[in-house]
Amino acid sequence: MGDKTTDLQHLDTTSLAALLRRTSPADAAQRLAAMPPARAARILEALPADVRAPIMAAAPAGTDWADAQRYAEGSVGRLLEDPPAVFPSGTRVGAAIDRLREVVKTRMVTYLFVVDGAQRLQGVVAFRELLYAAREQALDDVMIRQPFVLSPSATLIDAMREVVQRHYPVYPVCEADGTLVGQVRGQALFEQQAFEISAQAGAMVGVEKEERLATPWARSFRFRHPWLLLNLLTVFVAAGVVGVFQDTINDIVVLAMFLPVLAGQSGNLGAQSLAVVVRSMTLGELRGASIPRLLGKEAWLGLLNGLGTGLLAAAAMAVIARDRADMPVLAITVLVAMTASCALSGVAGAGVPLLLKRFGADPATASAIILSTITDVCSMGFFLGLASLLLAFHG
């Protein structure tokens, strides 16, 4: 594969797919088999069909890429492996042990799966149970009936919620009718979910989750630059709001000192709300939750935090503008604007990922960029607009 020292785990999907196209199918299959199943499935999807087929044909024993391709991204099915020990109902313990002598030379066996003639799972036999069972006994006599199973179409979030209290090393995966389609290792579930969570921080600021340390600079540029252009556009929007009130700023220069204060405080509060909601989505905690109640809570927290920081900012304004006759008006403006902006930012922080999800987008994708636009425009616009009104009334 060219440079054998390349750490393939640090390459993004596109770069790795390009490398695999230049190597033999057998070597590529071995490389992919050493990766987490979900990532291997994603890389295979990025390959042309004429390249993918020979690699899948050369897959090591136990690899289930063909089945994994049938299921959606982010589902349990993407992590499927072929179970190494599947036996028909009625198989004797002695016959199973004899067959396993060859299997264990190439595969790690944790459980034996017992199926009926239609490949529906009947039970699971722990490997250790074979030590205590008589050879003439049937596997049906020592198996656990109606074992816990995962659905291949279940999302990783739902699967994690189901297995977090079980901690089994391997989970059978069955269709709704009980047909055994494969197995998933607990380690693979946790590794994939950990990757999804780790990718959130980057996604919120426009960094693709596929970008890795070893991603070529040109591809990293293509990943990041479009989001920076979007961010530039949003900055111009915020600057336009300030420009509308330029006359007010020219008359009272001290207002300009507090623009970054309001934008920073409201932006940070909105980011806190955003982080909590995105994390709750990842952990599946929003299922069944009342959205109005959630938004109301974030608005209330924003109001309280805004009031606390607004009082301090108003005191600072009073000190700075102490020689001005309109000092009380300016201090009140800072207090009201900070309180209202933070309340609105709390709602925006919770609402942005909810809206993205509602329209079928990744809730974390560039949400921080969108949120910063909302908080900057609203905080600056509200502050300068309120200042213009109050000062006109006071004058």
Protein backbone atom coordinates (compact mmCIF):
# COMPACT_ATOMS: atom_id res chain seq x y z
CA MET A 1 0.00 0.00 0.00
CA GLY A 2 2.92 2.33 -0.55
CA ASP A 3 4.01 3.75 2.78
CA LYS A 4 3.42 0.93 5.27
CA THR A 5 4.18 3.23 8.18
CA THR A 6 1.15 5.40 7.48
CA ASP A 7 -1.25 5.30 10.40
CA LEU A 8 -4.44 4.63 8.50
CA GLN A 9 -6.56 5.33 11.56
CA HIS A 10 -5.57 9.00 11.26
CA LEU A 11 -6.69 9.38 7.64
CA ASP A 12 -10.09 10.65 6.60
CA THR A 13 -12.42 8.42 4.59
CA THR A 14 -11.66 9.97 1.19
CA SER A 15 -7.89 9.79 1.65
CA LEU A 16 -8.04 6.21 2.88
CA ALA A 17 -10.30 5.14 0.02
CA ALA A 18 -7.78 6.60 -2.43
CA LEU A 19 -4.98 4.57 -0.80
CA LEU A 20 -6.99 1.35 -0.86
CA ARG A 21 -7.63 1.72 -4.59
CA ARG A 22 -3.87 1.40 -5.15
CA THR A 23 -3.39 -1.83 -3.22
CA SER A 24 -4.38 -5.45 -3.66
CA PRO A 25 -7.88 -6.55 -2.57
CA ALA A 26 -6.44 -8.99 -0.02
CA ASP A 27 -4.23 -6.34 1.59
CA ALA A 28 -7.06 -3.80 1.58
CA ALA A 29 -9.42 -6.31 3.19
CA GLN A 30 -6.93 -7.00 5.97
CA ARG A 31 -6.49 -3.29 6.60
CA LEU A 32 -10.22 -2.69 6.76
CA ALA A 33 -10.83 -5.68 9.00
CA ALA A 34 -8.52 -4.13 11.61
CA MET A 35 -10.70 -1.00 11.76
CA PRO A 36 -13.97 -0.44 13.63
CA PRO A 37 -16.77 -2.07 11.58
CA ALA A 38 -18.72 1.16 11.07
CA ARG A 39 -15.69 2.95 9.66
CA ALA A 40 -14.84 0.04 7.39
CA ALA A 41 -18.40 0.10 6.03
CA ARG A 42 -18.16 3.86 5.42
CA ILE A 43 -14.86 3.48 3.54
CA LEU A 44 -16.24 0.68 1.40
CA GLU A 45 -19.16 2.92 0.43
CA ALA A 46 -16.69 5.53 -0.78
CA LEU A 47 -15.07 3.03 -3.18
CA PRO A 48 -16.31 2.36 -6.73
CA ALA A 49 -18.28 -0.87 -7.10
CA ASP A 50 -15.54 -2.51 -9.22
CA VAL A 51 -12.99 -1.86 -6.44
CA ARG A 52 -15.31 -2.66 -3.55
CA ALA A 53 -16.45 -6.08 -4.78
CA PRO A 54 -12.98 -7.77 -4.84
CA ILE A 55 -12.15 -6.36 -1.40
CA MET A 56 -15.39 -7.69 0.07
CA ALA A 57 -14.73 -11.06 -1.56
CA ALA A 58 -11.32 -11.17 0.17
CA ALA A 59 -12.78 -10.31 3.59
CA PRO A 60 -11.33 -12.32 6.53
CA ALA A 61 -13.49 -14.87 8.30
CA GLY A 62 -16.22 -13.29 10.40
CA THR A 63 -16.31 -10.00 8.52
CA ASP A 64 -19.88 -9.07 7.57
CA TRP A 65 -19.46 -6.09 5.26
CA ALA A 66 -22.11 -7.26 2.82
CA ASP A 67 -24.82 -7.20 5.49
CA ALA A 68 -23.51 -3.97 7.00
CA GLN A 69 -23.97 -2.18 3.66
CA ARG A 70 -27.71 -2.88 3.84
CA TYR A 71 -28.25 -0.75 6.93
CA ALA A 72 -28.25 2.99 7.47
CA GLU A 73 -25.33 5.04 8.73
CA GLY A 74 -25.41 5.25 12.52
CA SER A 75 -27.33 1.99 12.97
CA VAL A 76 -26.40 -1.21 14.78
CA GLY A 77 -26.36 -3.01 11.43
CA ARG A 78 -23.22 -1.10 10.43
CA LEU A 79 -21.31 -2.92 13.19
CA LEU A 80 -22.33 -6.46 12.24
CA GLU A 81 -19.99 -9.43 12.36
CA ASP A 82 -20.73 -12.99 11.31
CA PRO A 83 -21.23 -15.07 14.48
CA PRO A 84 -18.58 -17.81 14.60
CA ALA A 85 -20.67 -20.43 16.40
CA VAL A 86 -24.22 -20.94 15.11
CA PHE A 87 -25.79 -24.36 15.65
CA PRO A 88 -29.19 -25.82 14.75
CA SER A 89 -31.54 -26.67 17.57
CA GLY A 90 -30.98 -30.22 18.81
CA THR A 91 -27.19 -30.20 18.30
CA ARG A 92 -25.39 -32.26 20.96
CA VAL A 93 -22.82 -30.63 23.18
CA GLY A 94 -20.16 -33.10 22.07
CA ALA A 95 -20.75 -32.36 18.38
CA ALA A 96 -20.60 -28.62 19.05
CA ILE A 97 -17.30 -28.95 20.93
CA ASP A 98 -15.76 -31.01 18.16
CA ARG A 99 -16.71 -28.39 15.60
CA LEU A 100 -15.50 -25.53 17.77
CA ARG A 101 -12.00 -27.03 17.98
CA GLU A 102 -11.33 -25.71 14.47
CA VAL A 103 -13.33 -22.50 14.81
CA VAL A 104 -11.43 -21.21 17.84
CA LYS A 105 -8.16 -21.40 15.91
CA THR A 106 -9.22 -18.37 13.86
CA ARG A 107 -12.12 -16.75 15.75
CA MET A 108 -12.80 -15.77 19.33
CA VAL A 109 -15.97 -17.50 20.55
CA THR A 110 -17.89 -16.00 23.45
CA TYR A 111 -21.37 -17.39 22.88
CA LEU A 112 -22.94 -20.15 20.85
CA PHE A 113 -26.15 -19.19 19.08
CA VAL A 114 -28.86 -21.85 18.70
CA VAL A 115 -31.28 -21.35 15.79
CA ASP A 116 -34.25 -23.20 14.33
CA GLY A 117 -34.63 -24.28 10.72
CA ALA A 118 -35.62 -20.76 9.66
CA GLN A 119 -32.51 -19.26 11.31
CA ARG A 120 -34.57 -17.72 14.10
CA LEU A 121 -32.60 -17.38 17.33
CA GLN A 122 -33.78 -19.85 19.99
CA GLY A 123 -31.16 -19.29 22.66
CA VAL A 124 -27.59 -18.48 23.62
CA VAL A 125 -25.01 -20.79 25.23
CA ALA A 126 -22.13 -19.23 27.15
CA PHE A 127 -18.85 -20.85 26.17
CA ARG A 128 -18.10 -21.81 29.77
CA GLU A 129 -21.32 -23.85 30.01
CA LEU A 130 -19.77 -26.42 27.68
CA LEU A 131 -17.26 -27.28 30.42
CA TYR A 132 -19.99 -28.53 32.74
CA ALA A 133 -22.44 -30.09 30.27
CA ALA A 134 -22.42 -33.77 29.32
CA ARG A 135 -21.46 -34.50 25.71
CA GLU A 136 -24.77 -36.25 25.05
CA GLN A 137 -26.82 -33.26 26.22
CA ALA A 138 -28.44 -31.00 23.64
CA LEU A 139 -27.45 -27.35 23.45
CA ASP A 140 -31.13 -26.62 24.02
CA ASP A 141 -30.77 -28.01 27.54
CA VAL A 142 -28.06 -25.56 28.59
CA MET A 143 -28.92 -22.47 26.55
CA ILE A 144 -30.46 -19.25 27.81
CA ARG A 145 -33.86 -18.94 26.17
CA GLN A 146 -35.23 -15.61 24.92
CA PRO A 147 -31.89 -13.82 25.27
CA PHE A 148 -31.48 -10.08 24.96
CA VAL A 149 -30.99 -9.07 21.31
CA LEU A 150 -30.41 -5.90 19.33
CA SER A 151 -32.21 -4.84 16.17
CA PRO A 152 -29.97 -4.10 13.16
CA SER A 153 -32.04 -1.01 12.31
CA ALA A 154 -31.76 0.46 15.84
CA THR A 155 -29.71 3.63 16.16
CA LEU A 156 -26.51 3.56 18.16
CA ILE A 157 -28.09 5.87 20.72
CA ASP A 158 -30.99 3.48 21.30
CA ALA A 159 -28.64 0.50 21.45
CA MET A 160 -26.36 2.21 23.95
CA ARG A 161 -29.32 2.97 26.16
CA GLU A 162 -30.29 -0.70 26.10
CA VAL A 163 -26.85 -2.16 26.79
CA VAL A 164 -25.41 0.37 29.24
CA GLN A 165 -26.58 -1.68 32.25
CA ARG A 166 -25.78 -5.09 30.74
CA HIS A 167 -22.12 -4.94 29.72
CA TYR A 168 -22.18 -8.19 27.72
CA PRO A 169 -19.11 -8.74 25.53
CA VAL A 170 -21.23 -9.77 22.51
CA TYR A 171 -24.86 -9.12 21.53
CA PRO A 172 -26.88 -11.16 19.02
CA VAL A 173 -28.55 -9.04 16.34
CA CYS A 174 -31.94 -10.20 15.05
CA GLU A 175 -34.62 -8.91 12.72
CA ALA A 176 -38.11 -8.29 14.08
CA ASP A 177 -39.15 -11.89 13.32
CA GLY A 178 -36.22 -13.28 15.33
CA THR A 179 -33.99 -14.12 12.36
CA LEU A 180 -30.34 -14.02 13.41
CA VAL A 181 -28.39 -11.68 11.11
CA GLY A 182 -25.13 -11.37 13.05
CA GLN A 183 -23.49 -10.25 16.24
CA VAL A 184 -22.12 -6.97 17.57
CA ARG A 185 -19.33 -6.62 20.08
CA GLY A 186 -19.95 -4.35 23.05
CA GLN A 187 -16.55 -2.78 22.52
CA ALA A 188 -17.51 -1.79 18.97
CA LEU A 189 -20.70 -0.12 20.21
CA PHE A 190 -18.88 1.99 22.78
CA GLU A 191 -16.03 2.87 20.41
CA GLN A 192 -18.40 4.09 17.72
CA GLN A 193 -20.50 6.13 20.13
CA ALA A 194 -17.36 7.65 21.63
CA PHE A 195 -16.30 8.71 18.13
CA GLU A 196 -19.70 10.30 17.43
CA ILE A 197 -19.54 12.27 20.68
CA SER A 198 -15.94 13.38 20.06
CA ALA A 199 -16.93 14.67 16.62
CA GLN A 200 -19.60 17.01 17.99
CA ALA A 201 -17.24 19.76 19.14
CA GLY A 202 -15.75 20.07 15.67
CA ALA A 203 -19.09 19.78 13.86
CA MET A 204 -20.52 22.73 15.79
CA VAL A 205 -17.85 25.02 14.32
CA GLY A 206 -17.81 23.57 10.81
CA VAL A 207 -15.12 20.88 11.11
CA GLU A 208 -16.18 17.71 9.31
CA LYS A 209 -16.13 14.61 11.50
CA GLU A 210 -14.18 12.82 8.76
CA GLU A 211 -11.21 15.18 9.13
CA ARG A 212 -8.27 13.58 10.94
CA LEU A 213 -4.76 14.66 11.92
CA ALA A 214 -3.29 13.01 8.82
CA THR A 215 -5.87 14.46 6.40
CA PRO A 216 -3.98 16.24 3.56
CA TRP A 217 -4.00 20.01 3.91
CA ALA A 218 -5.83 20.52 0.62
CA ARG A 219 -8.71 18.33 1.71
CA SER A 220 -8.77 19.97 5.17
CA PHE A 221 -9.02 23.31 3.39
CA ARG A 222 -12.01 22.09 1.37
CA PHE A 223 -13.62 20.76 4.56
CA ARG A 224 -13.26 23.98 6.52
CA HIS A 225 -13.30 26.88 4.06
CA PRO A 226 -17.01 26.81 3.09
CA TRP A 227 -18.01 27.12 6.74
CA LEU A 228 -15.59 30.02 7.23
CA LEU A 229 -17.17 31.78 4.25
CA LEU A 230 -20.56 31.25 5.87
CA ASN A 231 -19.19 32.63 9.12
CA LEU A 232 -17.83 35.67 7.25
CA LEU A 233 -21.28 36.31 5.81
CA THR A 234 -22.85 36.15 9.26
CA VAL A 235 -20.23 38.56 10.62
CA PHE A 236 -21.17 41.04 7.90
CA VAL A 237 -24.81 40.71 8.96
CA ALA A 238 -23.87 41.59 12.54
CA ALA A 239 -21.71 44.47 11.30
CA GLY A 240 -24.66 45.73 9.27
CA VAL A 241 -26.78 45.92 12.40
CA VAL A 242 -24.10 48.03 14.09
CA GLY A 243 -23.94 50.23 11.00
CA VAL A 244 -27.65 51.02 11.26
CA PHE A 245 -26.99 52.65 14.63
CA GLN A 246 -23.71 54.32 13.68
CA ASP A 247 -25.04 57.81 14.48
CA THR A 248 -25.95 56.74 18.00
CA ILE A 249 -22.47 55.26 18.51
CA ASN A 250 -20.85 58.44 17.17
CA ASP A 251 -22.84 60.53 19.63
CA ILE A 252 -22.13 58.25 22.60
CA VAL A 253 -18.81 56.51 21.99
CA VAL A 254 -18.99 54.66 25.31
CA LEU A 255 -21.68 52.41 23.80
CA ALA A 256 -19.05 50.85 21.54
CA MET A 257 -17.14 49.60 24.58
CA PHE A 258 -20.08 47.45 25.64
CA LEU A 259 -20.90 45.87 22.28
CA PRO A 260 -18.32 43.06 22.64
CA VAL A 261 -19.38 42.63 26.28
CA LEU A 262 -23.00 41.93 25.34
CA ALA A 263 -22.10 39.81 22.32
CA GLY A 264 -19.59 37.78 24.32
CA GLN A 265 -21.87 37.14 27.29
CA SER A 266 -24.95 36.25 25.26
CA GLY A 267 -22.89 34.15 22.86
CA ASN A 268 -21.30 32.16 25.67
CA LEU A 269 -24.64 31.58 27.38
CA GLY A 270 -26.16 30.39 24.11
CA ALA A 271 -23.21 28.05 23.60
CA GLN A 272 -23.83 26.52 27.04
CA SER A 273 -27.45 25.85 26.15
CA LEU A 274 -26.41 24.48 22.75
CA ALA A 275 -23.88 22.09 24.30
CA VAL A 276 -26.41 20.71 26.78
CA VAL A 277 -29.07 20.12 24.11
CA VAL A 278 -26.70 18.49 21.58
CA ARG A 279 -25.29 16.21 24.28
CA SER A 280 -28.83 15.30 25.36
CA MET A 281 -29.69 14.44 21.75
CA THR A 282 -26.63 12.21 21.51
CA LEU A 283 -27.58 10.37 24.70
CA GLY A 284 -31.23 10.08 23.66
CA GLU A 285 -32.46 12.11 26.63
CA LEU A 286 -34.78 14.31 24.57
CA ARG A 287 -37.06 11.47 23.57
CA GLY A 288 -40.47 12.20 25.07
CA ALA A 289 -39.27 15.49 26.58
CA SER A 290 -41.48 18.60 26.38
CA ILE A 291 -39.84 21.02 23.94
CA PRO A 292 -41.78 24.08 25.22
CA ARG A 293 -40.71 23.22 28.75
CA LEU A 294 -37.09 22.84 27.64
CA LEU A 295 -37.12 26.20 25.86
CA GLY A 296 -38.81 27.81 28.85
CA LYS A 297 -36.14 26.47 31.19
CA GLU A 298 -33.32 27.79 28.99
CA ALA A 299 -35.06 31.18 28.72
CA TRP A 300 -35.39 31.35 32.50
CA LEU A 301 -31.75 30.37 33.04
CA GLY A 302 -30.71 32.97 30.47
CA LEU A 303 -32.82 35.60 32.21
CA LEU A 304 -31.30 34.85 35.62
CA ASN A 305 -27.73 34.75 34.30
CA GLY A 306 -28.33 37.86 32.22
CA LEU A 307 -29.69 39.71 35.23
CA GLY A 308 -26.64 38.80 37.30
CA THR A 309 -24.09 39.79 34.66
CA GLY A 310 -26.23 42.75 33.60
CA LEU A 311 -26.08 44.28 37.06
CA LEU A 312 -22.28 44.09 36.99
CA ALA A 313 -22.13 45.53 33.48
CA ALA A 314 -24.54 48.31 34.44
CA ALA A 315 -22.34 49.16 37.41
CA ALA A 316 -19.36 49.32 35.08
CA MET A 317 -21.28 51.64 32.75
CA ALA A 318 -22.20 53.85 35.70
CA VAL A 319 -18.55 54.21 36.63
CA ILE A 320 -17.35 54.85 33.09
CA ALA A 321 -20.14 57.33 32.25
CA ARG A 322 -20.32 58.94 35.68
CA ASP A 323 -19.71 62.44 34.29
CA ARG A 324 -22.56 62.22 31.78
CA ALA A 325 -26.04 63.48 32.54
CA ASP A 326 -27.55 60.47 30.82
CA MET A 327 -25.54 57.97 32.89
CA PRO A 328 -28.64 56.39 34.54
CA VAL A 329 -30.21 55.81 31.12
CA LEU A 330 -27.05 54.18 29.81
CA ALA A 331 -26.75 51.93 32.87
CA ILE A 332 -30.38 50.85 32.62
CA THR A 333 -29.92 50.19 28.91
CA VAL A 334 -27.00 47.86 29.60
CA LEU A 335 -28.93 46.02 32.31
CA VAL A 336 -32.08 45.51 30.24
CA ALA A 337 -30.19 44.64 27.05
CA MET A 338 -27.96 42.11 28.82
CA THR A 339 -30.89 40.43 30.55
CA ALA A 340 -33.05 40.23 27.44
CA SER A 341 -30.17 39.16 25.16
CA CYS A 342 -29.12 36.33 27.47
CA ALA A 343 -32.71 35.08 27.78
CA LEU A 344 -33.04 35.07 24.00
CA SER A 345 -29.64 33.41 23.61
CA GLY A 346 -30.68 30.58 25.91
CA VAL A 347 -33.72 29.90 23.74
CA ALA A 348 -31.63 30.16 20.56
CA GLY A 349 -28.99 27.78 21.90
CA ALA A 350 -31.63 25.15 22.55
CA GLY A 351 -33.67 25.92 19.46
CA VAL A 352 -30.96 25.82 16.76
CA PRO A 353 -30.12 22.08 17.09
CA LEU A 354 -33.82 21.25 17.49
CA LEU A 355 -34.64 23.06 14.25
CA LEU A 356 -31.73 21.46 12.40
CA LYS A 357 -32.93 18.04 13.50
CA ARG A 358 -36.50 18.92 12.55
CA PHE A 359 -35.40 19.61 8.97
CA GLY A 360 -33.31 16.44 8.76
CA ALA A 361 -29.85 17.96 9.27
CA ASP A 362 -27.20 16.94 11.77
CA PRO A 363 -28.04 18.96 14.92
CA ALA A 364 -24.36 19.68 15.54
CA THR A 365 -23.44 20.76 12.01
CA ALA A 366 -22.18 24.36 12.16
CA SER A 367 -24.73 25.07 14.89
CA ALA A 368 -22.23 27.29 16.70
CA ILE A 369 -21.86 29.48 13.59
CA ILE A 370 -25.62 29.86 13.27
CA LEU A 371 -25.99 30.54 16.97
CA SER A 372 -23.26 33.20 17.00
CA THR A 373 -25.07 35.07 14.22
CA ILE A 374 -28.33 35.05 16.15
CA THR A 375 -26.74 36.15 19.42
CA ASP A 376 -24.59 38.88 17.84
CA VAL A 377 -27.40 40.36 15.79
CA CYS A 378 -29.95 40.23 18.59
CA SER A 379 -27.69 41.46 21.41
CA MET A 380 -26.15 44.33 19.45
CA GLY A 381 -29.38 45.28 17.74
CA PHE A 382 -31.36 45.20 20.96
CA PHE A 383 -28.71 47.15 22.89
CA LEU A 384 -28.24 49.90 20.30
CA GLY A 385 -31.93 50.09 19.45
CA LEU A 386 -32.93 50.39 23.09
CA ALA A 387 -30.20 52.98 23.69
CA SER A 388 -31.45 55.06 20.76
CA LEU A 389 -35.04 54.96 22.01
CA LEU A 390 -34.27 55.71 25.67
CA LEU A 391 -31.82 58.47 24.87
CA ALA A 392 -34.27 60.07 22.43
CA PHE A 393 -36.97 59.92 25.10
CA HIS A 394 -34.58 61.24 27.75
CA GLY A 395 -33.39 64.01 25.51
